[in-house]
C-alpha atoms as a PDB file:
ATOM      1  CA  UNK A   1     -35.765  33.512  26.650  1.00  0.00           C
ATOM      2  CA  UNK A   2     -32.425  31.734  26.256  1.00  0.00           C
ATOM      3  CA  UNK A   3     -34.125  28.906  24.344  1.00  0.00           C
ATOM      4  CA  UNK A   4     -35.718  31.363  21.911  1.00  0.00           C
ATOM      5  CA  UNK A   5     -32.364  33.054  21.390  1.00  0.00           C
ATOM      6  CA  UNK A   6     -30.776  29.715  20.590  1.00  0.00           C
ATOM      7  CA  UNK A   7     -33.471  29.026  18.011  1.00  0.00           C
ATOM      8  CA  UNK A   8     -32.822  32.395  16.368  1.00  0.00           C
ATOM      9  CA  UNK A   9     -29.082  31.756  16.268  1.00  0.00           C
ATOM     10  CA  UNK A  10     -29.575  28.314  14.731  1.00  0.00           C
ATOM     11  CA  UNK A  11     -31.936  29.776  12.135  1.00  0.00           C
ATOM     12  CA  UNK A  12     -29.128  32.128  11.149  1.00  0.00           C
ATOM     13  CA  UNK A  13     -26.670  29.240  10.900  1.00  0.00           C
ATOM     14  CA  UNK A  14     -29.119  27.208   8.797  1.00  0.00           C
ATOM     15  CA  UNK A  15     -29.481  30.092   6.350  1.00  0.00           C
ATOM     16  CA  UNK A  16     -25.698  30.381   6.050  1.00  0.00           C
ATOM     17  CA  UNK A  17     -25.447  26.610   5.549  1.00  0.00           C
ATOM     18  CA  UNK A  18     -27.931  26.700   2.676  1.00  0.00           C
ATOM     19  CA  UNK A  19     -26.206  29.640   1.030  1.00  0.00           C
ATOM     20  CA  UNK A  20     -22.562  28.749   1.566  1.00  0.00           C
ATOM     21  CA  UNK A  21     -22.275  25.072   2.500  1.00  0.00           C
ATOM     22  CA  UNK A  22     -21.933  23.081   5.693  1.00  0.00           C
ATOM     23  CA  UNK A  23     -18.154  23.183   6.028  1.00  0.00           C
ATOM     24  CA  UNK A  24     -17.878  26.956   5.961  1.00  0.00           C
ATOM     25  CA  UNK A  25     -20.128  27.410   8.963  1.00  0.00           C
ATOM     26  CA  UNK A  26     -19.346  24.304  11.008  1.00  0.00           C
ATOM     27  CA  UNK A  27     -17.181  26.247  13.447  1.00  0.00           C
ATOM     28  CA  UNK A  28     -19.982  28.711  14.095  1.00  0.00           C
ATOM     29  CA  UNK A  29     -22.367  25.937  15.127  1.00  0.00           C
ATOM     30  CA  UNK A  30     -19.907  24.768  17.774  1.00  0.00           C
ATOM     31  CA  UNK A  31     -19.879  28.229  19.361  1.00  0.00           C
ATOM     32  CA  UNK A  32     -23.646  28.778  19.341  1.00  0.00           C
ATOM     33  CA  UNK A  33     -24.235  28.106  23.081  1.00  0.00           C
ATOM     34  CA  UNK A  34     -21.741  30.762  24.166  1.00  0.00           C
ATOM     35  CA  UNK A  35     -23.321  33.347  21.914  1.00  0.00           C
ATOM     36  CA  UNK A  36     -26.990  32.852  22.614  1.00  0.00           C
ATOM     37  CA  UNK A  37     -26.495  32.405  26.355  1.00  0.00           C
ATOM     38  CA  UNK A  38     -25.728  36.132  26.483  1.00  0.00           C
ATOM     39  CA  UNK A  39     -28.667  37.302  24.386  1.00  0.00           C
ATOM     40  CA  UNK A  40     -32.419  37.131  24.621  1.00  0.00           C
ATOM     41  CA  UNK A  41     -35.292  36.518  22.222  1.00  0.00           C
ATOM     42  CA  UNK A  42     -34.644  37.609  18.625  1.00  0.00           C
ATOM     43  CA  UNK A  43     -37.876  39.105  17.310  1.00  0.00           C
ATOM     44  CA  UNK A  44     -36.443  39.989  13.901  1.00  0.00           C
ATOM     45  CA  UNK A  45     -34.200  37.979  11.572  1.00  0.00           C
ATOM     46  CA  UNK A  46     -32.728  39.334   8.343  1.00  0.00           C
ATOM     47  CA  UNK A  47     -29.969  38.693   5.820  1.00  0.00           C
ATOM     48  CA  UNK A  48     -28.045  41.966   5.509  1.00  0.00           C
ATOM     49  CA  UNK A  49     -26.608  42.847   2.076  1.00  0.00           C
ATOM     50  CA  UNK A  50     -23.050  44.165   1.921  1.00  0.00           C
ATOM     51  CA  UNK A  51     -23.694  47.885   2.296  1.00  0.00           C
ATOM     52  CA  UNK A  52     -23.526  50.525   5.011  1.00  0.00           C
ATOM     53  CA  UNK A  53     -27.146  51.531   4.430  1.00  0.00           C
ATOM     54  CA  UNK A  54     -28.400  47.957   4.743  1.00  0.00           C
ATOM     55  CA  UNK A  55     -26.510  47.334   7.989  1.00  0.00           C
ATOM     56  CA  UNK A  56     -27.665  50.580   9.598  1.00  0.00           C
ATOM     57  CA  UNK A  57     -31.266  49.854   8.592  1.00  0.00           C
ATOM     58  CA  UNK A  58     -31.047  46.316   9.979  1.00  0.00           C
ATOM     59  CA  UNK A  59     -29.763  47.513  13.367  1.00  0.00           C
ATOM     60  CA  UNK A  60     -32.520  50.124  13.566  1.00  0.00           C
ATOM     61  CA  UNK A  61     -35.136  47.507  12.693  1.00  0.00           C
ATOM     62  CA  UNK A  62     -33.781  45.059  15.275  1.00  0.00           C
ATOM     63  CA  UNK A  63     -33.878  47.696  18.003  1.00  0.00           C
ATOM     64  CA  UNK A  64     -37.424  48.663  17.023  1.00  0.00           C
ATOM     65  CA  UNK A  65     -38.510  45.004  17.129  1.00  0.00           C
ATOM     66  CA  UNK A  66     -37.089  44.471  20.600  1.00  0.00           C
ATOM     67  CA  UNK A  67     -34.169  42.365  19.355  1.00  0.00           C
ATOM     68  CA  UNK A  68     -32.916  40.698  16.225  1.00  0.00           C
ATOM     69  CA  UNK A  69     -30.635  38.222  14.484  1.00  0.00           C
ATOM     70  CA  UNK A  70     -28.626  39.798  11.669  1.00  0.00           C
ATOM     71  CA  UNK A  71     -26.958  37.457   9.170  1.00  0.00           C
ATOM     72  CA  UNK A  72     -24.164  39.526   7.660  1.00  0.00           C
ATOM     73  CA  UNK A  73     -22.753  39.019   4.181  1.00  0.00           C
ATOM     74  CA  UNK A  74     -19.788  36.604   4.181  1.00  0.00           C
ATOM     75  CA  UNK A  75     -16.401  38.059   3.171  1.00  0.00           C
ATOM     76  CA  UNK A  76     -17.940  41.538   3.157  1.00  0.00           C
ATOM     77  CA  UNK A  77     -16.392  44.725   4.502  1.00  0.00           C
ATOM     78  CA  UNK A  78     -19.116  47.040   5.756  1.00  0.00           C
ATOM     79  CA  UNK A  79     -17.363  50.399   5.354  1.00  0.00           C
ATOM     80  CA  UNK A  80     -18.973  53.113   7.498  1.00  0.00           C
ATOM     81  CA  UNK A  81     -18.590  56.576   5.985  1.00  0.00           C
ATOM     82  CA  UNK A  82     -20.411  58.522   8.703  1.00  0.00           C
ATOM     83  CA  UNK A  83     -21.785  58.191  12.220  1.00  0.00           C
ATOM     84  CA  UNK A  84     -25.341  56.931  12.664  1.00  0.00           C
ATOM     85  CA  UNK A  85     -25.669  57.596  16.394  1.00  0.00           C
ATOM     86  CA  UNK A  86     -24.875  60.599  18.550  1.00  0.00           C
ATOM     87  CA  UNK A  87     -23.408  58.201  21.109  1.00  0.00           C
ATOM     88  CA  UNK A  88     -23.380  58.510  24.862  1.00  0.00           C
ATOM     89  CA  UNK A  89     -19.775  57.707  25.754  1.00  0.00           C
ATOM     90  CA  UNK A  90     -18.127  60.906  24.678  1.00  0.00           C
ATOM     91  CA  UNK A  91     -18.790  60.815  20.966  1.00  0.00           C
ATOM     92  CA  UNK A  92     -20.778  59.320  18.097  1.00  0.00           C
ATOM     93  CA  UNK A  93     -20.935  55.732  16.858  1.00  0.00           C
ATOM     94  CA  UNK A  94     -20.832  54.373  13.330  1.00  0.00           C
ATOM     95  CA  UNK A  95     -23.825  52.092  13.887  1.00  0.00           C
ATOM     96  CA  UNK A  96     -27.022  52.942  15.754  1.00  0.00           C
ATOM     97  CA  UNK A  97     -26.538  52.208  19.452  1.00  0.00           C
ATOM     98  CA  UNK A  98     -27.449  48.640  20.401  1.00  0.00           C
ATOM     99  CA  UNK A  99     -30.337  48.958  22.861  1.00  0.00           C
ATOM    100  CA  UNK A 100     -31.892  45.464  22.565  1.00  0.00           C
ATOM    101  CA  UNK A 101     -30.547  41.893  22.257  1.00  0.00           C
ATOM    102  CA  UNK A 102     -28.876  41.714  18.823  1.00  0.00           C
ATOM    103  CA  UNK A 103     -26.772  38.978  17.227  1.00  0.00           C
ATOM    104  CA  UNK A 104     -24.611  39.560  14.165  1.00  0.00           C
ATOM    105  CA  UNK A 105     -23.371  36.406  12.463  1.00  0.00           C
ATOM    106  CA  UNK A 106     -20.813  36.756   9.702  1.00  0.00           C
ATOM    107  CA  UNK A 107     -18.177  34.725   7.911  1.00  0.00           C
ATOM    108  CA  UNK A 108     -14.847  36.568   7.539  1.00  0.00           C
ATOM    109  CA  UNK A 109     -16.952  39.731   7.775  1.00  0.00           C
ATOM    110  CA  UNK A 110     -15.583  43.160   8.717  1.00  0.00           C
ATOM    111  CA  UNK A 111     -17.168  46.363  10.005  1.00  0.00           C
ATOM    112  CA  UNK A 112     -14.801  49.316   9.699  1.00  0.00           C
ATOM    113  CA  UNK A 113     -14.687  53.105   9.638  1.00  0.00           C
ATOM    114  CA  UNK A 114     -13.948  54.209   6.096  1.00  0.00           C
ATOM    115  CA  UNK A 115     -10.580  55.875   5.419  1.00  0.00           C
ATOM    116  CA  UNK A 116     -10.941  59.641   5.708  1.00  0.00           C
ATOM    117  CA  UNK A 117     -14.271  59.470   7.558  1.00  0.00           C
ATOM    118  CA  UNK A 118     -14.853  61.707  10.576  1.00  0.00           C
ATOM    119  CA  UNK A 119     -13.896  60.211  13.931  1.00  0.00           C
ATOM    120  CA  UNK A 120     -16.418  57.842  15.538  1.00  0.00           C
ATOM    121  CA  UNK A 121     -16.368  54.554  17.435  1.00  0.00           C
ATOM    122  CA  UNK A 122     -17.857  51.580  15.609  1.00  0.00           C
ATOM    123  CA  UNK A 123     -20.423  50.276  18.134  1.00  0.00           C
ATOM    124  CA  UNK A 124     -21.955  51.387  21.436  1.00  0.00           C
ATOM    125  CA  UNK A 125     -24.029  48.964  23.533  1.00  0.00           C
ATOM    126  CA  UNK A 126     -26.389  50.613  26.032  1.00  0.00           C
ATOM    127  CA  UNK A 127     -27.756  48.694  29.012  1.00  0.00           C
ATOM    128  CA  UNK A 128     -30.022  49.396  31.981  1.00  0.00           C
ATOM    129  CA  UNK A 129     -27.314  50.415  34.437  1.00  0.00           C
ATOM    130  CA  UNK A 130     -26.717  53.480  32.258  1.00  0.00           C
ATOM    131  CA  UNK A 131     -30.075  53.929  30.545  1.00  0.00           C
ATOM    132  CA  UNK A 132     -32.915  52.148  32.396  1.00  0.00           C
ATOM    133  CA  UNK A 133     -35.065  51.840  29.270  1.00  0.00           C
ATOM    134  CA  UNK A 134     -32.346  50.011  27.303  1.00  0.00           C
ATOM    135  CA  UNK A 135     -31.360  46.338  27.284  1.00  0.00           C
ATOM    136  CA  UNK A 136     -28.406  46.253  24.925  1.00  0.00           C
ATOM    137  CA  UNK A 137     -26.890  42.796  24.412  1.00  0.00           C
ATOM    138  CA  UNK A 138     -24.573  42.199  21.463  1.00  0.00           C
ATOM    139  CA  UNK A 139     -23.190  38.886  20.204  1.00  0.00           C
ATOM    140  CA  UNK A 140     -20.771  39.001  17.260  1.00  0.00           C
ATOM    141  CA  UNK A 141     -19.714  35.775  15.552  1.00  0.00           C
ATOM    142  CA  UNK A 142     -16.996  35.764  12.873  1.00  0.00           C
ATOM    143  CA  UNK A 143     -17.091  39.554  12.642  1.00  0.00           C
ATOM    144  CA  UNK A 144     -14.033  41.828  12.877  1.00  0.00           C
ATOM    145  CA  UNK A 145     -14.266  45.457  14.021  1.00  0.00           C
ATOM    146  CA  UNK A 146     -11.586  47.935  12.940  1.00  0.00           C
ATOM    147  CA  UNK A 147     -10.470  51.555  12.601  1.00  0.00           C
ATOM    148  CA  UNK A 148     -12.834  53.033  15.167  1.00  0.00           C
ATOM    149  CA  UNK A 149     -11.847  56.399  16.649  1.00  0.00           C
ATOM    150  CA  UNK A 150     -13.663  57.645  19.758  1.00  0.00           C
ATOM    151  CA  UNK A 151     -11.351  60.636  20.177  1.00  0.00           C
ATOM    152  CA  UNK A 152     -11.550  61.762  23.812  1.00  0.00           C
ATOM    153  CA  UNK A 153     -14.367  59.271  24.420  1.00  0.00           C
ATOM    154  CA  UNK A 154     -14.047  55.622  25.441  1.00  0.00           C
ATOM    155  CA  UNK A 155     -14.117  52.394  23.446  1.00  0.00           C
ATOM    156  CA  UNK A 156     -12.789  53.086  19.969  1.00  0.00           C
ATOM    157  CA  UNK A 157     -14.041  49.795  18.578  1.00  0.00           C
ATOM    158  CA  UNK A 158     -16.790  48.909  21.055  1.00  0.00           C
ATOM    159  CA  UNK A 159     -18.087  50.815  24.088  1.00  0.00           C
ATOM    160  CA  UNK A 160     -20.111  48.533  26.361  1.00  0.00           C
ATOM    161  CA  UNK A 161     -22.092  50.774  28.688  1.00  0.00           C
ATOM    162  CA  UNK A 162     -24.240  48.697  30.977  1.00  0.00           C
ATOM    163  CA  UNK A 163     -25.019  45.934  28.497  1.00  0.00           C
ATOM    164  CA  UNK A 164     -23.289  42.704  27.517  1.00  0.00           C
ATOM    165  CA  UNK A 165     -20.937  41.909  24.650  1.00  0.00           C
ATOM    166  CA  UNK A 166     -19.880  38.509  23.289  1.00  0.00           C
ATOM    167  CA  UNK A 167     -17.316  38.062  20.516  1.00  0.00           C
ATOM    168  CA  UNK A 168     -16.642  34.659  18.961  1.00  0.00           C
ATOM    169  CA  UNK A 169     -14.114  34.090  16.207  1.00  0.00           C
ATOM    170  CA  UNK A 170     -13.682  37.798  15.528  1.00  0.00           C
ATOM    171  CA  UNK A 171     -11.786  40.717  16.951  1.00  0.00           C
ATOM    172  CA  UNK A 172     -11.156  44.425  17.331  1.00  0.00           C
ATOM    173  CA  UNK A 173      -8.140  46.110  15.759  1.00  0.00           C
ATOM    174  CA  UNK A 174      -6.532  49.440  14.867  1.00  0.00           C
ATOM    175  CA  UNK A 175      -8.967  51.523  16.910  1.00  0.00           C
ATOM    176  CA  UNK A 176      -8.400  54.496  19.214  1.00  0.00           C
ATOM    177  CA  UNK A 177      -9.922  56.122  22.328  1.00  0.00           C
ATOM    178  CA  UNK A 178      -8.948  57.696  25.636  1.00  0.00           C
ATOM    179  CA  UNK A 179      -9.737  54.521  27.613  1.00  0.00           C
ATOM    180  CA  UNK A 180     -10.160  51.191  25.848  1.00  0.00           C
ATOM    181  CA  UNK A 181      -8.744  51.844  22.411  1.00  0.00           C
ATOM    182  CA  UNK A 182     -10.232  48.550  21.276  1.00  0.00           C
ATOM    183  CA  UNK A 183     -12.972  47.866  23.832  1.00  0.00           C
ATOM    184  CA  UNK A 184     -14.273  49.694  26.897  1.00  0.00           C
ATOM    185  CA  UNK A 185     -16.583  47.754  29.207  1.00  0.00           C
ATOM    186  CA  UNK A 186     -18.276  48.378  32.528  1.00  0.00           C
ATOM    187  CA  UNK A 187     -20.517  45.301  32.674  1.00  0.00           C
ATOM    188  CA  UNK A 188     -20.021  41.931  30.914  1.00  0.00           C
ATOM    189  CA  UNK A 189     -17.558  41.134  28.122  1.00  0.00           C
ATOM    190  CA  UNK A 190     -16.787  37.630  26.832  1.00  0.00           C
ATOM    191  CA  UNK A 191     -14.346  36.898  24.013  1.00  0.00           C
ATOM    192  CA  UNK A 192     -13.701  33.406  22.626  1.00  0.00           C
ATOM    193  CA  UNK A 193     -11.086  32.550  19.968  1.00  0.00           C
ATOM    194  CA  UNK A 194     -10.871  36.229  19.116  1.00  0.00           C
ATOM    195  CA  UNK A 195      -8.220  38.959  19.058  1.00  0.00           C
ATOM    196  CA  UNK A 196      -7.609  42.515  20.237  1.00  0.00           C
ATOM    197  CA  UNK A 197      -4.598  43.890  18.388  1.00  0.00           C
ATOM    198  CA  UNK A 198      -3.037  47.137  17.230  1.00  0.00           C
ATOM    199  CA  UNK A 199      -5.320  49.434  19.234  1.00  0.00           C
ATOM    200  CA  UNK A 200      -4.283  52.649  21.008  1.00  0.00           C
ATOM    201  CA  UNK A 201      -5.498  54.470  24.125  1.00  0.00           C
ATOM    202  CA  UNK A 202      -4.304  57.958  24.970  1.00  0.00           C
ATOM    203  CA  UNK A 203      -4.803  57.282  28.700  1.00  0.00           C
ATOM    204  CA  UNK A 204      -5.033  53.555  29.500  1.00  0.00           C
ATOM    205  CA  UNK A 205      -6.231  50.195  28.245  1.00  0.00           C
ATOM    206  CA  UNK A 206      -4.964  50.155  24.688  1.00  0.00           C
ATOM    207  CA  UNK A 207      -6.690  46.866  23.950  1.00  0.00           C
ATOM    208  CA  UNK A 208      -9.356  46.514  26.654  1.00  0.00           C
ATOM    209  CA  UNK A 209     -10.309  48.801  29.530  1.00  0.00           C
ATOM    210  CA  UNK A 210     -12.448  47.238  32.264  1.00  0.00           C
ATOM    211  CA  UNK A 211     -14.091  49.952  34.333  1.00  0.00           C
ATOM    212  CA  UNK A 212     -16.389  47.507  36.178  1.00  0.00           C
ATOM    213  CA  UNK A 213     -18.193  44.222  35.665  1.00  0.00           C
ATOM    214  CA  UNK A 214     -16.594  41.049  34.316  1.00  0.00           C
ATOM    215  CA  UNK A 215     -14.260  40.161  31.455  1.00  0.00           C
ATOM    216  CA  UNK A 216     -13.704  36.580  30.264  1.00  0.00           C
ATOM    217  CA  UNK A 217     -11.068  35.910  27.599  1.00  0.00           C
ATOM    218  CA  UNK A 218     -10.989  32.331  26.278  1.00  0.00           C
ATOM    219  CA  UNK A 219      -8.426  31.452  23.639  1.00  0.00           C
ATOM    220  CA  UNK A 220      -8.164  35.139  22.837  1.00  0.00           C
ATOM    221  CA  UNK A 221      -5.071  37.056  21.740  1.00  0.00           C
ATOM    222  CA  UNK A 222      -4.575  40.540  23.190  1.00  0.00           C
ATOM    223  CA  UNK A 223      -1.285  41.885  21.879  1.00  0.00           C
ATOM    224  CA  UNK A 224       0.390  44.804  20.164  1.00  0.00           C
ATOM    225  CA  UNK A 225      -1.802  47.433  21.809  1.00  0.00           C
ATOM    226  CA  UNK A 226      -0.539  50.802  23.122  1.00  0.00           C
ATOM    227  CA  UNK A 227       0.225  51.704  25.905  1.00  0.00           C
ATOM    228  CA  UNK A 228      -0.847  48.278  27.212  1.00  0.00           C
ATOM    229  CA  UNK A 229      -3.012  45.355  26.209  1.00  0.00           C
ATOM    230  CA  UNK A 230      -5.449  45.507  29.138  1.00  0.00           C
ATOM    231  CA  UNK A 231      -6.108  47.794  32.079  1.00  0.00           C
ATOM    232  CA  UNK A 232      -8.757  48.095  34.772  1.00  0.00           C
ATOM    233  CA  UNK A 233     -10.062  50.522  37.350  1.00  0.00           C
ATOM    234  CA  UNK A 234      -8.690  49.597  40.807  1.00  0.00           C
ATOM    235  CA  UNK A 235      -9.284  47.421  42.722  1.00  0.00           C
ATOM    236  CA  UNK A 236     -10.003  45.349  39.608  1.00  0.00           C
ATOM    237  CA  UNK A 237      -7.102  43.476  38.046  1.00  0.00           C
ATOM    238  CA  UNK A 238      -6.328  43.930  34.361  1.00  0.00           C
ATOM    239  CA  UNK A 239      -8.021  41.030  32.522  1.00  0.00           C
ATOM    240  CA  UNK A 240      -4.985  40.141  30.422  1.00  0.00           C
END
């Protein structure tokens, strides 16, 4: 399964190379092993045009196919004007919940809640420890998440509920929640050369809140979050 995932990731990189040149995507190739090690077979591969509708449709199709590799539009801001999932972590999500292994590969790409839109987190990842039928695994490469608002729920940018999340060369910023203004996780979170900045939690974990599981931060900047950059449920130690 890991080998198939690697092939899907490299197919995505090859498409980007053809469209935008070798130099622009060289850094992504170097990070491929870390991304695909956390995801499984991609049954569906698609280039996603720069629109909310296209991104939502691509996530739905990937989930329906049992997994997928989404090549996002470079230098695009996917502006989400409404929620597309009822959510399960105390509120809705801007994208359909990730319930299968999904990779999203961008290039200076952003996914954000549109100004003036109703409150919702950006992404929820659902795994078997919460929902036995789900196998949510998300790998984001060169994608920035921003302006999520989970309200009284958890994970304003990303809520990882029983799945796994990998971020490479991206980040989460200016998002809000009760716990984990930027990211809430209770299973596996890995961030490499990424950032968690300017997020706010009304209770704890302005940047990242680790309720359980593991958090690995490699070359990652967690700063400028309120009331703190990282927090964890005892006896866990805050990951940053």
